[in-house]
Protein backbone atom coordinates (compact mmCIF):
# COMPACT_ATOMS: atom_id res chain seq x y z
CA MET A 1 0.00 0.00 0.00
CA LEU A 2 1.32 3.42 -0.88
CA ALA A 3 1.97 5.55 2.15
CA ASN A 4 0.49 8.56 0.37
CA SER A 5 -2.72 6.90 -0.88
CA ALA A 6 -6.10 8.42 -0.18
CA SER A 7 -6.73 6.07 2.75
CA ASP A 8 -3.71 7.26 4.68
CA THR A 9 -4.22 9.78 7.43
CA GLU A 10 -2.67 13.19 7.72
CA GLU A 11 -1.02 11.98 10.91
CA GLN A 12 0.86 9.27 9.02
CA TRP A 13 2.17 11.86 6.56
CA ARG A 14 3.35 13.97 9.48
CA VAL A 15 5.16 11.05 11.12
CA TYR A 16 6.90 10.11 7.87
CA ALA A 17 7.95 13.71 7.27
CA GLN A 18 9.35 14.13 10.78
CA ALA A 19 11.18 10.79 10.60
CA ARG A 20 12.70 11.77 7.26
CA LEU A 21 13.85 15.15 8.49
CA SER A 22 15.36 13.69 11.67
CA ARG A 23 16.83 10.65 9.87
CA ASP A 24 15.44 8.60 12.76
CA SER A 25 16.93 5.09 12.49
CA ARG A 26 13.87 3.59 14.19
CA PHE A 27 11.94 4.18 10.95
CA ASP A 28 14.54 2.57 8.70
CA GLY A 29 12.74 -0.13 6.72
CA ARG A 30 9.25 1.06 7.69
CA PHE A 31 8.97 3.33 4.65
CA PHE A 32 10.97 4.69 1.71
CA VAL A 33 11.36 8.24 0.43
CA ALA A 34 11.09 8.84 -3.31
CA VAL A 35 12.36 12.13 -4.73
CA LYS A 36 10.34 13.30 -7.72
CA SER A 37 13.02 15.62 -9.09
CA THR A 38 15.77 12.98 -9.23
CA GLY A 39 13.76 9.80 -9.76
CA ILE A 40 15.61 8.14 -6.87
CA PHE A 41 14.20 6.50 -3.74
CA CYS A 42 16.05 6.24 -0.42
CA ARG A 43 15.87 4.97 3.12
CA PRO A 44 14.81 7.62 5.66
CA ILE A 45 18.35 7.50 7.12
CA CYS A 46 20.05 8.38 3.83
CA PRO A 47 22.86 10.93 4.44
CA ALA A 48 22.18 12.75 1.17
CA LYS A 49 20.94 16.35 1.21
CA LEU A 50 17.30 16.46 2.29
CA PRO A 51 14.86 17.40 -0.49
CA LEU A 52 11.91 19.70 0.05
CA GLU A 53 8.76 18.00 1.31
CA LYS A 54 6.84 19.01 -1.82
CA ASN A 55 9.30 17.01 -3.92
CA VAL A 56 8.91 13.67 -2.13
CA GLU A 57 6.41 10.85 -1.87
CA TYR A 58 6.42 7.85 0.45
CA PHE A 59 6.18 4.12 -0.11
CA GLU A 60 5.98 1.32 2.43
CA HIS A 61 7.90 -1.15 0.23
CA ALA A 62 10.96 -0.83 -1.97
CA THR A 63 9.19 -2.91 -4.62
CA GLN A 64 6.47 -0.26 -4.85
CA ALA A 65 9.00 2.51 -5.48
CA LEU A 66 10.64 0.42 -8.22
CA HIS A 67 7.25 -0.28 -9.75
CA HIS A 68 6.52 3.45 -9.93
CA GLY A 69 9.69 4.13 -11.89
CA TYR A 70 12.07 5.23 -9.14
CA ARG A 71 15.58 3.78 -9.06
CA PRO A 72 17.33 2.79 -5.82
CA CYS A 73 19.83 5.15 -4.26
CA LEU A 74 23.41 3.92 -4.64
CA ARG A 75 24.42 5.65 -1.41
CA CYS A 76 21.97 4.32 1.20
CA ARG A 77 21.08 1.13 -0.70
CA PRO A 78 17.36 0.72 0.07
CA ASP A 79 17.61 -2.96 -0.84
CA SER A 80 19.64 -3.38 2.37
CA ALA A 81 17.06 -1.80 4.67
CA PRO A 82 15.61 -3.96 7.44
CA SER A 83 12.23 -5.44 6.63
CA SER A 84 9.27 -6.12 8.85
CA PHE A 85 6.29 -8.37 8.14
CA ALA A 86 4.15 -6.11 10.32
CA TRP A 87 2.97 -4.07 7.34
CA GLN A 88 0.05 -1.76 7.71
CA GLY A 89 -3.12 -2.11 5.73
CA VAL A 90 -2.69 -5.73 4.59
CA THR A 91 -4.27 -8.96 5.73
CA THR A 92 -2.58 -12.03 7.15
CA THR A 93 -3.16 -13.78 3.81
CA VAL A 94 -1.30 -11.01 1.98
CA LYS A 95 1.59 -11.19 4.44
CA ARG A 96 1.85 -14.96 3.97
CA GLY A 97 1.53 -14.52 0.23
CA ILE A 98 4.35 -11.98 0.11
CA SER A 99 6.53 -14.31 2.16
CA LEU A 100 5.93 -17.18 -0.28
CA LEU A 101 6.37 -14.94 -3.31
CA SER A 102 9.74 -13.85 -1.90
CA HIS A 103 11.22 -17.31 -2.36
CA ILE A 104 14.06 -17.56 -4.86
CA PRO A 105 13.93 -19.46 -7.19
CA SER A 106 10.42 -18.16 -7.67
CA GLN A 107 7.49 -20.49 -7.19
CA PRO A 108 4.69 -20.42 -9.79
CA VAL A 109 2.02 -17.99 -8.65
CA SER A 110 -0.55 -20.77 -8.99
CA HIS A 111 1.39 -22.86 -6.44
CA VAL A 112 1.55 -19.94 -4.00
CA ALA A 113 -2.20 -19.40 -4.31
CA GLU A 114 -2.82 -23.11 -3.76
CA ARG A 115 -0.72 -23.10 -0.58
CA LEU A 116 -2.75 -20.13 0.66
CA GLY A 117 -6.00 -21.92 -0.13
CA ILE A 118 -7.21 -19.22 -2.53
CA SER A 119 -7.42 -18.78 -6.29
CA GLU A 120 -4.63 -17.15 -8.29
CA ARG A 121 -7.06 -14.44 -9.36
CA TYR A 122 -7.98 -13.63 -5.76
CA LEU A 123 -4.31 -13.57 -4.72
CA ASN A 124 -3.60 -10.98 -7.41
CA LYS A 125 -6.64 -8.98 -6.31
CA LEU A 126 -5.41 -8.93 -2.70
CA LEU A 127 -1.90 -7.88 -3.72
CA GLN A 128 -3.20 -5.15 -6.02
CA SER A 129 -5.33 -3.84 -3.17
CA GLY A 130 -2.58 -4.07 -0.54
CA LEU A 131 0.53 -3.20 -2.54
CA GLY A 132 -0.60 -2.00 -5.93
CA LEU A 133 1.34 -4.88 -7.56
CA SER A 134 0.50 -8.19 -9.13
CA ALA A 135 2.10 -11.37 -7.80
CA LYS A 136 4.40 -11.63 -10.82
CA GLN A 137 5.44 -8.00 -10.52
CA TYR A 138 6.28 -8.45 -6.86
CA GLN A 139 8.43 -11.51 -7.62
CA SER A 140 10.34 -9.68 -10.36
CA LEU A 141 10.97 -6.59 -8.26
CA HIS A 142 11.97 -8.56 -5.16
CA ARG A 143 14.40 -10.61 -7.23
CA VAL A 144 16.16 -7.61 -8.75
CA LEU A 145 16.54 -6.02 -5.30
CA PHE A 146 18.15 -9.22 -4.00
CA ALA A 147 20.49 -9.29 -7.00
CA LYS A 148 21.44 -5.65 -6.38
CA GLN A 149 22.30 -6.46 -2.78
CA LEU A 150 24.59 -9.30 -3.87
CA LEU A 151 26.21 -7.15 -6.55
CA GLN A 152 27.01 -4.35 -4.13
CA GLN A 153 27.83 -6.29 -0.97
CA THR A 154 29.63 -9.40 -2.19
CA GLU A 155 32.46 -10.35 -4.51
CA MET A 156 30.42 -12.98 -6.33
CA THR A 157 30.75 -12.97 -10.11
CA VAL A 158 27.88 -11.55 -12.13
CA ASP A 159 27.11 -15.07 -13.38
CA ASP A 160 26.89 -16.38 -9.79
CA VAL A 161 24.69 -13.44 -8.76
CA ALA A 162 22.38 -14.14 -11.69
CA LEU A 163 22.10 -17.81 -10.68
CA SER A 164 21.56 -17.03 -6.98
CA ALA A 165 18.88 -14.44 -7.78
CA GLY A 166 16.96 -16.84 -9.98
CA TYR A 167 17.91 -15.51 -13.41
CA GLY A 168 18.57 -17.90 -16.26
CA SER A 169 21.62 -15.99 -17.42
CA SER A 170 23.70 -12.89 -16.75
CA ARG A 171 22.03 -11.30 -19.76
CA GLN A 172 18.62 -11.61 -18.08
CA LEU A 173 20.09 -10.04 -14.95
CA GLN A 174 21.55 -7.17 -16.97
CA ARG A 175 18.17 -6.47 -18.55
CA ALA A 176 16.42 -6.43 -15.17
CA VAL A 177 19.02 -4.16 -13.54
CA GLN A 178 18.86 -1.79 -16.52
CA GLN A 179 15.06 -1.74 -16.46
CA TYR A 180 14.57 -1.11 -12.76
CA CYS A 181 17.85 0.38 -11.50
CA LYS A 182 18.72 2.34 -14.67
CA THR A 183 22.31 1.07 -14.58
CA THR A 184 24.31 -2.10 -15.25
CA PRO A 185 25.51 -4.90 -12.95
CA SER A 186 29.16 -3.92 -13.50
CA ALA A 187 28.41 -0.30 -12.55
CA LEU A 188 26.99 -1.50 -9.22
CA ARG A 189 30.18 -3.33 -8.28
CA LYS A 190 32.79 -1.94 -5.94
CA SER A 191 35.28 -4.53 -7.13
CA VAL A 192 35.24 -8.04 -8.49
CA LYS A 193 37.81 -10.59 -7.37
CA GLY A 194 36.20 -13.69 -8.81
CA ASN A 195 34.20 -16.36 -7.07
CA ALA A 196 35.49 -15.92 -3.52
CA PRO A 197 35.07 -18.91 -1.21
CA THR A 198 33.44 -16.66 1.38
CA VAL A 199 30.37 -14.52 0.73
CA THR A 200 29.98 -11.52 3.03
CA LEU A 201 27.06 -9.14 3.36
CA ARG A 202 25.18 -7.18 5.98
CA LEU A 203 21.64 -7.90 7.19
CA ALA A 204 19.84 -5.06 8.94
CA TYR A 205 17.19 -5.00 11.64
CA LEU A 206 14.78 -2.48 13.11
CA PRO A 207 16.31 -1.20 16.38
CA PRO A 208 16.32 -1.68 19.27
CA TYR A 209 17.71 -5.23 19.13
CA ASN A 210 18.37 -7.07 22.38
CA TRP A 211 21.51 -8.96 21.35
CA PRO A 212 22.40 -10.12 24.89
CA GLN A 213 18.96 -11.75 25.17
CA VAL A 214 19.28 -13.43 21.75
CA ARG A 215 22.89 -14.45 22.41
CA ASP A 216 22.13 -16.04 25.77
CA PHE A 217 19.03 -17.80 24.42
CA LEU A 218 21.00 -19.32 21.54
CA LYS A 219 24.01 -20.15 23.70
CA MET A 220 21.90 -22.07 26.21
CA ARG A 221 20.40 -24.10 23.36
CA ALA A 222 23.46 -24.47 21.12
CA ILE A 223 23.93 -28.01 19.76
CA GLU A 224 27.56 -29.06 20.30
CA GLY A 225 29.47 -29.44 17.05
CA VAL A 226 26.71 -27.75 15.05
CA GLU A 227 26.47 -24.32 16.69
CA ALA A 228 28.78 -21.96 18.54
CA VAL A 229 27.93 -18.67 20.24
CA SER A 230 30.47 -16.02 21.32
CA ASP A 231 30.03 -12.62 22.93
CA ASN A 232 29.31 -10.98 19.58
CA SER A 233 28.54 -13.77 17.11
CA TYR A 234 26.49 -16.83 16.21
CA GLN A 235 27.95 -19.58 14.06
CA ARG A 236 26.64 -22.88 12.76
CA TYR A 237 27.31 -25.54 10.16
CA ILE A 238 24.74 -26.42 7.54
CA ARG A 239 24.33 -29.02 4.81
CA VAL A 240 24.51 -27.77 1.23
CA LYS A 241 24.24 -30.44 -1.47
CA GLY A 242 25.76 -33.15 0.70
CA GLU A 243 28.65 -31.02 1.92
CA VAL A 244 29.17 -28.86 4.97
CA GLY A 245 28.95 -25.09 4.82
CA ARG A 246 29.46 -22.57 7.59
CA ILE A 247 27.55 -19.42 8.42
CA LYS A 248 28.67 -16.78 10.89
CA ALA A 249 26.68 -13.74 12.00
CA ILE A 250 28.60 -11.00 13.83
CA HIS A 251 26.53 -8.43 15.65
CA ASN A 252 27.20 -4.87 14.52
CA ALA A 253 25.28 -2.61 16.89
CA HIS A 254 26.62 0.56 15.28
CA ALA A 255 25.15 -0.44 11.91
CA ASN A 256 21.94 -1.90 13.39
CA GLY A 257 22.60 -5.23 11.79
CA PHE A 258 24.73 -8.34 11.48
CA ASP A 259 27.80 -8.83 9.32
CA ILE A 260 27.32 -12.22 7.70
CA GLU A 261 30.08 -14.55 6.55
CA LEU A 262 29.05 -17.52 4.42
CA ARG A 263 31.48 -20.26 3.45
CA LEU A 264 29.50 -22.51 1.15
CA PRO A 265 30.42 -25.41 -1.14
CA SER A 266 27.71 -24.24 -3.56
CA LEU A 267 25.79 -21.02 -4.09
CA ASP A 268 22.59 -22.91 -4.90
CA GLY A 269 19.85 -21.84 -2.54
CA LEU A 270 21.74 -18.75 -1.34
CA HIS A 271 18.56 -16.71 -0.95
CA SER A 272 16.98 -19.46 1.16
CA ILE A 273 20.07 -19.61 3.38
CA ILE A 274 20.01 -15.85 3.93
CA GLU A 275 16.31 -15.96 4.80
CA LYS A 276 16.97 -18.75 7.31
CA ILE A 277 19.65 -16.62 8.97
CA LYS A 278 17.10 -13.82 9.28
CA GLY A 279 14.70 -16.28 10.89
CA VAL A 280 17.24 -17.61 13.41
CA LEU A 281 18.11 -14.04 14.47
CA ASP A 282 14.52 -12.77 14.11
CA LEU A 283 15.53 -9.85 11.92
CA HIS A 284 12.01 -9.24 10.57
CA ALA A 285 10.56 -8.30 13.96
CA ASP A 286 9.15 -4.84 14.66
CA PRO A 287 10.15 -4.13 18.28
CA GLN A 288 7.81 -1.19 18.78
CA LEU A 289 4.70 -3.15 17.76
CA ILE A 290 5.76 -6.11 19.87
CA LYS A 291 6.34 -3.93 22.92
CA ALA A 292 2.92 -2.33 22.49
CA SER A 293 1.25 -5.74 22.19
CA LEU A 294 2.92 -7.09 25.34
CA HIS A 295 1.91 -3.99 27.26
CA GLY A 296 -1.61 -4.31 25.90
CA ALA A 297 -1.71 -7.89 27.20
CA GLY A 298 -1.17 -6.60 30.73
CA LEU A 299 2.60 -6.55 31.27
CA PRO A 300 3.89 -3.33 32.84
CA LEU A 301 6.37 -1.52 30.61
CA ALA A 302 9.07 -1.93 33.27
CA LEU A 303 8.89 -5.72 32.86
CA ILE A 304 9.18 -5.76 29.06
CA ASP A 305 12.66 -6.36 27.68
CA GLU A 306 13.51 -3.61 25.21
CA GLY A 307 14.13 -4.99 21.73
CA ILE A 308 13.17 -8.57 22.62
CA ARG A 309 13.56 -11.11 19.79
CA LEU A 310 12.46 -14.72 19.35
CA PRO A 311 15.42 -16.75 18.00
CA GLY A 312 14.35 -19.44 15.57
CA THR A 313 15.81 -22.80 14.64
CA TRP A 314 17.46 -23.51 11.31
CA ASP A 315 14.46 -25.45 9.98
CA VAL A 316 11.19 -27.05 11.02
CA PHE A 317 12.64 -30.55 11.27
CA GLU A 318 15.34 -29.45 13.69
CA SER A 319 12.80 -27.61 15.86
CA GLY A 320 10.68 -30.77 16.04
CA CYS A 321 13.63 -32.91 17.10
CA ARG A 322 14.52 -30.36 19.77
CA ALA A 323 10.93 -30.33 21.02
CA ILE A 324 10.56 -34.12 21.17
CA VAL A 325 13.84 -34.80 23.00
CA GLY A 326 13.01 -31.86 25.28
CA GLN A 327 9.66 -33.15 26.50
CA GLN A 328 9.40 -33.10 30.30
CA VAL A 329 13.11 -32.38 30.85
CA SER A 330 15.19 -29.25 31.45
CA VAL A 331 16.66 -27.18 28.62
CA LYS A 332 20.14 -28.39 29.55
CA ALA A 333 19.09 -32.04 29.42
CA ALA A 334 17.26 -31.52 26.12
CA ILE A 335 20.27 -29.91 24.45
CA GLY A 336 22.45 -32.72 25.75
CA GLN A 337 20.26 -35.22 23.92
CA ALA A 338 20.08 -33.08 20.77
CA SER A 339 23.87 -32.77 20.78
CA LEU A 340 24.21 -36.53 21.20
CA LEU A 341 21.81 -37.07 18.30
CA ALA A 342 23.84 -34.76 16.04
CA LYS A 343 27.19 -36.25 17.07
CA GLN A 344 26.11 -39.86 16.54
CA LEU A 345 24.26 -39.44 13.26
CA HIS A 346 26.12 -36.75 11.37
CA SER A 347 27.80 -37.70 8.12
CA PRO A 348 31.63 -37.40 8.03
CA ILE A 349 31.55 -34.54 5.54
CA GLY A 350 33.46 -31.90 7.46
CA THR A 351 36.46 -30.27 5.78
CA ALA A 352 39.54 -28.37 6.90
CA THR A 353 37.71 -25.09 6.31
CA CYS A 354 34.44 -26.33 7.84
CA PRO A 355 35.43 -28.84 10.56
CA GLY A 356 31.99 -29.03 12.17
CA PHE A 357 28.96 -30.98 11.10
CA ALA A 358 25.37 -30.24 10.14
CA PHE A 359 22.32 -31.38 12.06
CA PRO A 360 21.25 -34.83 10.81
CA SER A 361 18.68 -35.09 8.03
CA PRO A 362 15.24 -36.70 8.42
CA GLN A 363 16.51 -39.71 6.47
CA GLN A 364 19.45 -40.18 8.86
CA VAL A 365 17.25 -40.06 11.96
CA ALA A 366 14.51 -42.21 10.44
CA SER A 367 16.96 -44.99 9.55
CA SER A 368 18.52 -45.13 13.04
CA ASP A 369 17.21 -46.90 16.14
CA VAL A 370 18.50 -43.95 18.25
CA SER A 371 19.27 -46.46 21.03
CA PHE A 372 22.12 -44.22 22.18
CA LEU A 373 19.68 -41.54 23.40
CA ARG A 374 19.00 -41.48 27.13
CA MET A 375 15.23 -41.16 27.20
CA PRO A 376 12.11 -43.38 27.28
CA ASN A 377 11.58 -45.75 24.35
CA ALA A 378 8.21 -44.15 23.60
CA ARG A 379 9.93 -40.82 23.04
CA LYS A 380 12.58 -42.45 20.84
CA GLN A 381 9.83 -43.95 18.70
CA ALA A 382 8.10 -40.57 18.47
CA LEU A 383 11.37 -39.09 17.20
CA ILE A 384 11.77 -41.81 14.55
CA SER A 385 8.13 -41.46 13.46
CA PHE A 386 8.56 -37.69 13.22
CA ALA A 387 11.70 -38.10 11.09
CA SER A 388 9.98 -40.69 8.87
CA LEU A 389 7.12 -38.26 8.25
CA PHE A 390 9.55 -35.56 7.12
CA ALA A 391 11.59 -38.01 5.04
CA GLN A 392 8.47 -38.80 3.02
CA GLN A 393 7.75 -35.14 2.28
CA PRO A 394 8.75 -33.48 -1.02
CA SER A 395 11.88 -31.38 -0.59
CA GLY A 396 11.23 -28.00 0.99
CA THR A 397 7.75 -28.82 2.28
CA THR A 398 6.44 -29.31 5.82
CA PRO A 399 3.86 -31.95 6.85
CA GLU A 400 0.38 -30.79 7.80
CA ASP A 401 -0.28 -30.10 11.48
CA ASP A 402 -2.73 -33.01 11.69
CA ALA A 403 -0.08 -35.43 10.41
CA ILE A 404 2.39 -34.25 13.05
CA MET A 405 -0.22 -34.45 15.81
CA ALA A 406 -1.11 -38.00 14.71
CA ILE A 407 2.32 -39.20 15.86
CA LYS A 408 2.03 -41.00 19.19
CA GLY A 409 3.87 -38.98 21.80
CA VAL A 410 3.47 -35.63 20.01
CA GLY A 411 1.04 -33.26 21.72
CA GLN A 412 -0.06 -29.66 21.43
CA TRP A 413 2.99 -28.28 23.27
CA THR A 414 5.35 -29.98 20.83
CA LEU A 415 3.42 -28.75 17.79
CA ASP A 416 3.25 -25.21 19.17
CA TYR A 417 7.00 -25.20 19.86
CA ILE A 418 7.63 -26.36 16.29
CA LYS A 419 5.44 -23.59 14.90
CA MET A 420 6.92 -20.93 17.16
CA ARG A 421 10.62 -21.61 16.56
CA GLY A 422 10.70 -23.73 13.41
CA GLU A 423 8.02 -21.99 11.35
CA LYS A 424 8.76 -18.60 12.99
CA ASP A 425 5.07 -18.08 13.70
CA PRO A 426 4.86 -14.86 15.76
CA ASP A 427 1.46 -15.68 17.27
CA VAL A 428 1.87 -18.87 19.33
CA TYR A 429 1.12 -18.85 23.04
CA LEU A 430 2.46 -21.91 24.87
CA ALA A 431 -0.36 -21.99 27.40
CA GLY A 432 0.54 -25.53 28.47
CA ASP A 433 4.17 -24.73 29.20
CA LEU A 434 4.90 -25.06 32.93
CA ILE A 435 7.03 -21.92 33.13
CA VAL A 436 4.50 -19.91 31.14
CA LYS A 437 1.72 -21.07 33.47
CA LYS A 438 3.72 -20.12 36.54
CA MET A 439 4.71 -16.67 35.25
CA ALA A 440 1.24 -15.92 33.87
CA ALA A 441 -0.11 -16.54 37.37
CA LYS A 442 2.49 -14.22 38.85
CA TYR A 443 2.00 -11.51 36.23
CA PRO A 444 -1.65 -11.81 35.14
CA VAL A 445 -1.89 -11.31 31.40
CA SER A 446 -4.57 -11.62 28.76
CA ALA A 447 -2.83 -13.61 26.03
CA GLU A 448 -5.51 -12.83 23.44
CA LYS A 449 -4.71 -9.13 23.71
CA ALA A 450 -1.11 -9.82 22.68
CA ALA A 451 -2.22 -11.14 19.25
CA PRO A 452 -0.69 -11.31 16.71
CA TRP A 453 2.53 -11.37 18.76
CA ARG A 454 1.75 -14.05 21.34
CA SER A 455 5.00 -15.92 20.64
CA TYR A 456 6.79 -12.91 22.12
CA LEU A 457 4.54 -13.01 25.16
CA THR A 458 5.60 -16.64 25.66
CA LEU A 459 9.24 -15.65 25.33
CA GLN A 460 8.87 -12.67 27.65
CA LEU A 461 7.35 -14.86 30.35
CA TRP A 462 10.29 -17.27 29.96
CA GLU A 463 12.66 -14.34 30.34
CA LEU A 464 10.81 -13.06 33.44
CA SER A 465 11.29 -16.45 35.11
CA LYS A 466 15.05 -15.80 35.18
CA ARG A 467 14.77 -12.62 37.23
């Protein structure tokens, strides 16, 4: 939705104008400023000379500015702005649709509509109403912005950028960059040193960001050999086409983001890997909306952690394994079992540059009797059944909730944990969790009033239990 459409209030215009004039970093990623006289659009924190208010218009999405003929600023790089799924004026279906349409390689629009349970025509109608774009247009614009980010922030070759951004050739990439950015891929480069073994880029977030809370949460739950957490970084090993890759995210508070280092055996699926990093670090969250929702649920402002984030797991399968081995035991005991699972079942595919190992695949767990785990046999069987269910799924898909719940030994708490951390669902309240029950009794809250951010209410109650 355009920020300057007829449905917007005068108050919203005033807020955008003040944020632009003050270069307030809290609004970075919430809207974009397009300058009519230059044809360029920027982030509100852009250090360039401020244009007159009469010469600007506002957009809530970079894709909208591109669609209206503006080209991205080469100084503030609007493609690198933090993004939040808490967009105004759009429905939950549109938010889910945009998330699915953001996948690279692009999924057919008909498949996205089918996953949403609506027709392709209705999906396009919703997107036109919410964003002013068709599904295909959104996919094209999102893809060129991702390519621009890789061109400007990494040393990948143009051919590799084209492949990673879902283009069939570098020529297709050149046409897209020329059409939307009014320049060429080579002109966007700082320097090109060939296909470097390490890809580096920066991922931004909306401040404030409570890194100590995220760091401690991840450190307590780090799987030995797979993950490592230091004072300022998170690192883990992942499987890429049967080989081990390494990701490292270094917190950069000054830049309101993370400096990412990727050492990968293949660049296939690079966009998916970057999106998973964002999910693990919860970079899409809008801290101001979350804080307001927690306060609205009944928590005093003094009890709400500023910039709280909900760290995710690498994928849904891993979150399910963590949940099953963690049933009715402490976090420390659960991570001990998860670490044992990873150590015993990992494939010997580590290298000198990536000496760790990735979390085992569904096929590896399903084909093992997991007799080495120290937990009841019923729970071991639940783990094997869970892995078998995932092993039977087409690549990249998640079983239906009913299929997961049909597994003996998997209850509502386990499913909710999977959805909260694995699927990154922001609106899951673990009402059956013992700690949540205890803290909700101590600090009476109305969980329904925290919607659609009830996952953060769950997390905040966990955090309060430590005080």
